[in-house]
Amino acid sequence: MEEIICETNARGIRVRKSCMACRWKELTRASGMRLCTKTGKGVRPTSTCKDWEMSETMRVAGWSQGVIRDKETKEVVIR
């Protein structure tokens, strides 16, 4: 059985260290194939390599980036 390796982002959320959360992944629209932009090879979502870096989406996961405003007064209710 393969060992699952995780890294923690700035908000303390554990992110699995694999191609599905890598900065270098790219999905082709035509075939839906996953490619590594560093190596140019096709990869599986659970693959891991030495060039792995956390994607921007995973890096900011857990951070609130918006506000909730009152419909009538437009006053910020929750920041």
C-alpha atoms as a PDB file:
ATOM      1  CA  MET A   1       0.000   0.000   0.000  1.00  0.00           C
ATOM      2  CA  GLU A   2       1.254   3.459  -0.946  1.00  0.00           C
ATOM      3  CA  GLU A   3       2.050   5.915   1.862  1.00  0.00           C
ATOM      4  CA  ILE A   4       0.008   9.138   1.734  1.00  0.00           C
ATOM      5  CA  ILE A   5       2.194  12.219   2.203  1.00  0.00           C
ATOM      6  CA  CYS A   6       0.533  15.523   3.077  1.00  0.00           C
ATOM      7  CA  GLU A   7       1.718  19.097   3.386  1.00  0.00           C
ATOM      8  CA  THR A   8      -0.058  21.816   5.358  1.00  0.00           C
ATOM      9  CA  ASN A   9      -1.055  25.149   3.813  1.00  0.00           C
ATOM     10  CA  ALA A  10      -1.013  28.527   5.617  1.00  0.00           C
ATOM     11  CA  ARG A  11      -4.476  27.905   7.159  1.00  0.00           C
ATOM     12  CA  GLY A  12      -3.469  24.515   8.562  1.00  0.00           C
ATOM     13  CA  ILE A  13      -5.386  22.489   5.968  1.00  0.00           C
ATOM     14  CA  ARG A  14      -3.673  19.236   5.002  1.00  0.00           C
ATOM     15  CA  VAL A  15      -3.126  18.895   1.238  1.00  0.00           C
ATOM     16  CA  ARG A  16      -2.198  15.533  -0.261  1.00  0.00           C
ATOM     17  CA  LYS A  17       1.163  15.722  -2.000  1.00  0.00           C
ATOM     18  CA  SER A  18       0.208  14.376  -5.451  1.00  0.00           C
ATOM     19  CA  CYS A  19      -0.393  15.549  -9.023  1.00  0.00           C
ATOM     20  CA  MET A  20      -4.014  16.450  -8.282  1.00  0.00           C
ATOM     21  CA  ALA A  21      -2.841  19.351  -6.067  1.00  0.00           C
ATOM     22  CA  CYS A  22       0.317  20.288  -7.983  1.00  0.00           C
ATOM     23  CA  ARG A  23       1.144  23.676  -9.417  1.00  0.00           C
ATOM     24  CA  TRP A  24       2.547  22.107 -12.588  1.00  0.00           C
ATOM     25  CA  LYS A  25      -0.487  20.015 -13.632  1.00  0.00           C
ATOM     26  CA  GLU A  26      -2.467  20.817 -16.740  1.00  0.00           C
ATOM     27  CA  LEU A  27      -5.614  19.163 -18.067  1.00  0.00           C
ATOM     28  CA  THR A  28      -6.132  18.986 -21.810  1.00  0.00           C
ATOM     29  CA  ARG A  29      -9.620  20.050 -22.872  1.00  0.00           C
ATOM     30  CA  ALA A  30      -9.879  17.696 -25.819  1.00  0.00           C
ATOM     31  CA  SER A  31      -9.019  14.403 -24.133  1.00  0.00           C
ATOM     32  CA  GLY A  32      -9.150  15.299 -20.442  1.00  0.00           C
ATOM     33  CA  MET A  33      -5.632  13.899 -20.056  1.00  0.00           C
ATOM     34  CA  ARG A  34      -3.513  15.183 -17.160  1.00  0.00           C
ATOM     35  CA  LEU A  35      -0.058  16.475 -18.139  1.00  0.00           C
ATOM     36  CA  CYS A  36       2.894  17.731 -16.124  1.00  0.00           C
ATOM     37  CA  THR A  37       4.069  21.051 -17.585  1.00  0.00           C
ATOM     38  CA  LYS A  38       7.533  20.534 -16.051  1.00  0.00           C
ATOM     39  CA  THR A  39       8.213  17.156 -17.667  1.00  0.00           C
ATOM     40  CA  GLY A  40       5.672  17.179 -20.515  1.00  0.00           C
ATOM     41  CA  LYS A  41       4.579  13.633 -19.624  1.00  0.00           C
ATOM     42  CA  GLY A  42       1.138  12.240 -18.928  1.00  0.00           C
ATOM     43  CA  VAL A  43       0.553  11.548 -15.217  1.00  0.00           C
ATOM     44  CA  ARG A  44      -2.047   9.963 -12.933  1.00  0.00           C
ATOM     45  CA  PRO A  45      -3.795  12.124 -10.276  1.00  0.00           C
ATOM     46  CA  THR A  46      -2.164  10.103  -7.483  1.00  0.00           C
ATOM     47  CA  SER A  47       1.381  10.369  -8.903  1.00  0.00           C
ATOM     48  CA  THR A  48       4.042  12.325  -7.015  1.00  0.00           C
ATOM     49  CA  CYS A  49       7.472  13.550  -8.102  1.00  0.00           C
ATOM     50  CA  LYS A  50      10.390  15.587  -6.757  1.00  0.00           C
ATOM     51  CA  ASP A  51       9.195  18.745  -8.614  1.00  0.00           C
ATOM     52  CA  TRP A  52       5.852  18.886  -6.721  1.00  0.00           C
ATOM     53  CA  GLU A  53       4.713  22.346  -5.575  1.00  0.00           C
ATOM     54  CA  MET A  54       1.364  23.178  -3.981  1.00  0.00           C
ATOM     55  CA  SER A  55      -1.035  24.830  -6.444  1.00  0.00           C
ATOM     56  CA  GLU A  56      -2.230  28.383  -5.749  1.00  0.00           C
ATOM     57  CA  THR A  57      -5.782  27.099  -5.232  1.00  0.00           C
ATOM     58  CA  MET A  58      -4.640  24.732  -2.479  1.00  0.00           C
ATOM     59  CA  ARG A  59      -2.269  27.310  -0.991  1.00  0.00           C
ATOM     60  CA  VAL A  60      -5.139  29.770  -0.316  1.00  0.00           C
ATOM     61  CA  ALA A  61      -7.774  27.150   0.590  1.00  0.00           C
ATOM     62  CA  GLY A  62      -9.530  28.175   3.783  1.00  0.00           C
ATOM     63  CA  TRP A  63      -9.020  31.927   3.393  1.00  0.00           C
ATOM     64  CA  SER A  64     -12.143  34.027   3.210  1.00  0.00           C
ATOM     65  CA  GLN A  65     -11.963  36.297   0.180  1.00  0.00           C
ATOM     66  CA  GLY A  66     -15.317  38.038   0.301  1.00  0.00           C
ATOM     67  CA  VAL A  67     -17.840  39.823   2.472  1.00  0.00           C
ATOM     68  CA  ILE A  68     -21.558  39.499   3.132  1.00  0.00           C
ATOM     69  CA  ARG A  69     -23.541  42.725   2.802  1.00  0.00           C
ATOM     70  CA  ASP A  70     -27.052  43.669   3.877  1.00  0.00           C
ATOM     71  CA  LYS A  71     -29.293  43.751   0.773  1.00  0.00           C
ATOM     72  CA  GLU A  72     -30.909  47.077   1.580  1.00  0.00           C
ATOM     73  CA  THR A  73     -28.168  49.127   3.245  1.00  0.00           C
ATOM     74  CA  LYS A  74     -25.177  47.491   1.515  1.00  0.00           C
ATOM     75  CA  GLU A  75     -23.454  47.579   4.929  1.00  0.00           C
ATOM     76  CA  VAL A  76     -20.872  44.823   5.565  1.00  0.00           C
ATOM     77  CA  VAL A  77     -22.436  42.272   7.916  1.00  0.00           C
ATOM     78  CA  ILE A  78     -19.690  39.590   7.891  1.00  0.00           C
ATOM     79  CA  ARG A  79     -16.122  40.221   6.826  1.00  0.00           C
END
